[in-house]
Amino acid sequence: MAKIEELDESAAKLRPKKNHQPSRFFVFVDYIFLFLFIVFLSFIVFKILGV
């Protein structure tokens, strides 16, 4: 059992660490889509209310 753990640890050291943080461009595009959705939703609501 100890030998399997040693192999797993050495395999984990050989693999490069992945960066799981989103890029700034992805966050910017996400906020643009969120803003456009809110604008569209408010347009529909104001059109229904007739304001």
N, C-alpha and C. Protein backbone atom coordinates (compact mmCIF):
# COMPACT_ATOMS: atom_id res chain seq x y z
N MET A 1 0.83 -1.19 0.00
CA MET A 1 0.00 0.00 0.00
C MET A 1 0.87 1.25 0.00
N ALA A 2 1.96 1.21 0.73
CA ALA A 2 2.85 2.36 0.79
C ALA A 2 3.52 2.60 -0.57
N LYS A 3 3.80 1.52 -1.28
CA LYS A 3 4.44 1.67 -2.58
C LYS A 3 3.49 2.33 -3.58
N ILE A 4 2.20 2.03 -3.52
CA ILE A 4 1.22 2.65 -4.41
C ILE A 4 1.12 4.14 -4.12
N GLU A 5 1.15 4.50 -2.84
CA GLU A 5 1.10 5.92 -2.48
C GLU A 5 2.34 6.66 -3.00
N GLU A 6 3.48 6.03 -2.92
CA GLU A 6 4.70 6.67 -3.41
C GLU A 6 4.62 6.89 -4.92
N LEU A 7 4.07 5.92 -5.65
CA LEU A 7 3.93 6.07 -7.09
C LEU A 7 2.95 7.19 -7.42
N ASP A 8 1.87 7.27 -6.66
CA ASP A 8 0.88 8.33 -6.90
C ASP A 8 1.49 9.70 -6.64
N GLU A 9 2.29 9.84 -5.60
CA GLU A 9 2.91 11.13 -5.29
C GLU A 9 3.91 11.53 -6.38
N SER A 10 4.69 10.57 -6.87
CA SER A 10 5.66 10.90 -7.90
C SER A 10 4.96 11.25 -9.22
N ALA A 11 3.84 10.60 -9.50
CA ALA A 11 3.09 10.92 -10.72
C ALA A 11 2.47 12.31 -10.61
N ALA A 12 2.04 12.67 -9.40
CA ALA A 12 1.46 14.00 -9.20
C ALA A 12 2.53 15.08 -9.35
N LYS A 13 3.75 14.77 -8.98
CA LYS A 13 4.82 15.76 -9.11
C LYS A 13 5.21 15.96 -10.57
N LEU A 14 5.08 14.93 -11.40
CA LEU A 14 5.46 15.03 -12.80
C LEU A 14 4.45 15.85 -13.61
N ARG A 15 3.18 15.80 -13.22
CA ARG A 15 2.15 16.55 -13.95
C ARG A 15 2.25 18.04 -13.65
N PRO A 16 2.14 18.87 -14.66
CA PRO A 16 2.18 20.32 -14.40
C PRO A 16 0.89 20.77 -13.72
N LYS A 17 1.01 21.78 -12.89
CA LYS A 17 -0.17 22.32 -12.21
C LYS A 17 -0.97 23.15 -13.20
N LYS A 18 -2.28 22.97 -13.18
CA LYS A 18 -3.15 23.69 -14.10
C LYS A 18 -3.65 24.96 -13.42
N ASN A 19 -3.79 26.00 -14.22
CA ASN A 19 -4.31 27.26 -13.71
C ASN A 19 -5.83 27.24 -13.90
N HIS A 20 -6.57 27.26 -12.81
CA HIS A 20 -8.03 27.17 -12.88
C HIS A 20 -8.71 28.53 -12.79
N GLN A 21 -7.94 29.61 -12.76
CA GLN A 21 -8.55 30.93 -12.69
C GLN A 21 -8.98 31.36 -14.09
N PRO A 22 -10.17 31.98 -14.21
CA PRO A 22 -10.60 32.45 -15.53
C PRO A 22 -9.75 33.65 -15.97
N SER A 23 -9.57 33.76 -17.26
CA SER A 23 -8.79 34.88 -17.78
C SER A 23 -9.61 36.17 -17.65
N ARG A 24 -8.92 37.29 -17.68
CA ARG A 24 -9.60 38.59 -17.55
C ARG A 24 -10.53 38.83 -18.73
N PHE A 25 -10.15 38.36 -19.90
CA PHE A 25 -11.00 38.53 -21.08
C PHE A 25 -12.32 37.78 -20.90
N PHE A 26 -12.26 36.56 -20.37
CA PHE A 26 -13.48 35.78 -20.15
C PHE A 26 -14.39 36.48 -19.15
N VAL A 27 -13.81 37.03 -18.08
CA VAL A 27 -14.61 37.74 -17.08
C VAL A 27 -15.25 38.98 -17.70
N PHE A 28 -14.48 39.71 -18.53
CA PHE A 28 -15.00 40.91 -19.20
C PHE A 28 -16.17 40.55 -20.12
N VAL A 29 -16.03 39.51 -20.90
CA VAL A 29 -17.11 39.08 -21.81
C VAL A 29 -18.32 38.62 -21.01
N ASP A 30 -18.09 37.95 -19.90
CA ASP A 30 -19.18 37.49 -19.05
C ASP A 30 -19.97 38.68 -18.51
N TYR A 31 -19.28 39.72 -18.06
CA TYR A 31 -19.97 40.91 -17.57
C TYR A 31 -20.72 41.64 -18.69
N ILE A 32 -20.18 41.63 -19.89
CA ILE A 32 -20.89 42.25 -21.02
C ILE A 32 -22.20 41.52 -21.30
N PHE A 33 -22.15 40.19 -21.32
CA PHE A 33 -23.38 39.42 -21.56
C PHE A 33 -24.39 39.62 -20.42
N LEU A 34 -23.91 39.70 -19.20
CA LEU A 34 -24.80 39.94 -18.06
C LEU A 34 -25.46 41.32 -18.17
N PHE A 35 -24.68 42.33 -18.55
CA PHE A 35 -25.22 43.68 -18.74
C PHE A 35 -26.26 43.71 -19.85
N LEU A 36 -25.96 43.06 -20.97
CA LEU A 36 -26.91 43.03 -22.09
C LEU A 36 -28.20 42.30 -21.70
N PHE A 37 -28.08 41.25 -20.93
CA PHE A 37 -29.28 40.53 -20.48
C PHE A 37 -30.14 41.42 -19.59
N ILE A 38 -29.52 42.18 -18.68
CA ILE A 38 -30.28 43.07 -17.80
C ILE A 38 -30.95 44.17 -18.60
N VAL A 39 -30.25 44.72 -19.60
CA VAL A 39 -30.84 45.75 -20.46
C VAL A 39 -32.03 45.18 -21.23
N PHE A 40 -31.88 44.00 -21.79
CA PHE A 40 -32.96 43.38 -22.54
C PHE A 40 -34.16 43.08 -21.63
N LEU A 41 -33.88 42.56 -20.44
CA LEU A 41 -34.96 42.25 -19.51
C LEU A 41 -35.70 43.51 -19.07
N SER A 42 -34.97 44.57 -18.80
CA SER A 42 -35.63 45.82 -18.40
C SER A 42 -36.43 46.41 -19.57
N PHE A 43 -35.93 46.27 -20.79
CA PHE A 43 -36.67 46.73 -21.97
C PHE A 43 -38.01 46.00 -22.08
N ILE A 44 -37.99 44.70 -21.90
CA ILE A 44 -39.23 43.91 -21.98
C ILE A 44 -40.19 44.30 -20.86
N VAL A 45 -39.67 44.46 -19.65
CA VAL A 45 -40.53 44.81 -18.51
C VAL A 45 -41.16 46.18 -18.72
N PHE A 46 -40.37 47.18 -19.15
CA PHE A 46 -40.92 48.51 -19.36
C PHE A 46 -41.90 48.53 -20.54
N LYS A 47 -41.67 47.68 -21.51
CA LYS A 47 -42.60 47.62 -22.64
C LYS A 47 -43.94 47.02 -22.20
N ILE A 48 -43.90 46.03 -21.33
CA ILE A 48 -45.14 45.43 -20.83
C ILE A 48 -45.89 46.41 -19.93
N LEU A 49 -45.14 47.12 -19.07
CA LEU A 49 -45.79 48.06 -18.16
C LEU A 49 -46.26 49.32 -18.87
N GLY A 50 -45.73 49.61 -20.03
CA GLY A 50 -46.16 50.77 -20.79
C GLY A 50 -45.62 52.08 -20.24
N VAL A 51 -44.47 52.04 -19.61
CA VAL A 51 -43.90 53.26 -19.04
C VAL A 51 -43.12 54.00 -20.10
